[in-house]
Amino acid sequence: MEVQYPISIDWSKEEVIKVVTFFQLIEKAYDTGVNKGELVSAYHEFKDVVPSKSEEKQMFKQFDRETGYSTYHAVKEARETERDKVIMNK
């Protein structure tokens, strides 16, 4: 699937990489599963780039609409699960 990741032209290359990596891990959580620690860590790096809750919600909504995934639920599962791997069902 060819996904247009929500990014800003104002971000540095490193910031774009952090955000794209986070969204790629969300995709992976739905496709094959992802390490819980890796996803939580990527979310924290995403929050370094996008600290605003409203901007986060906007980006999640855009990505979710594009992919059919729920970014919020994947992050919630990663934070709350006891398992080492996060596997989401579409």
Foldseek 3Di string as FASTA:
>chain_A
DDADQDDDPPDDPVLVVLRVVLLVQQVCLAVPWDFLVVNLVSVVSNCVSVVDPVVVVVRQVRRCVRPVGRSVVQNVCSVPPPDRIRHDHD
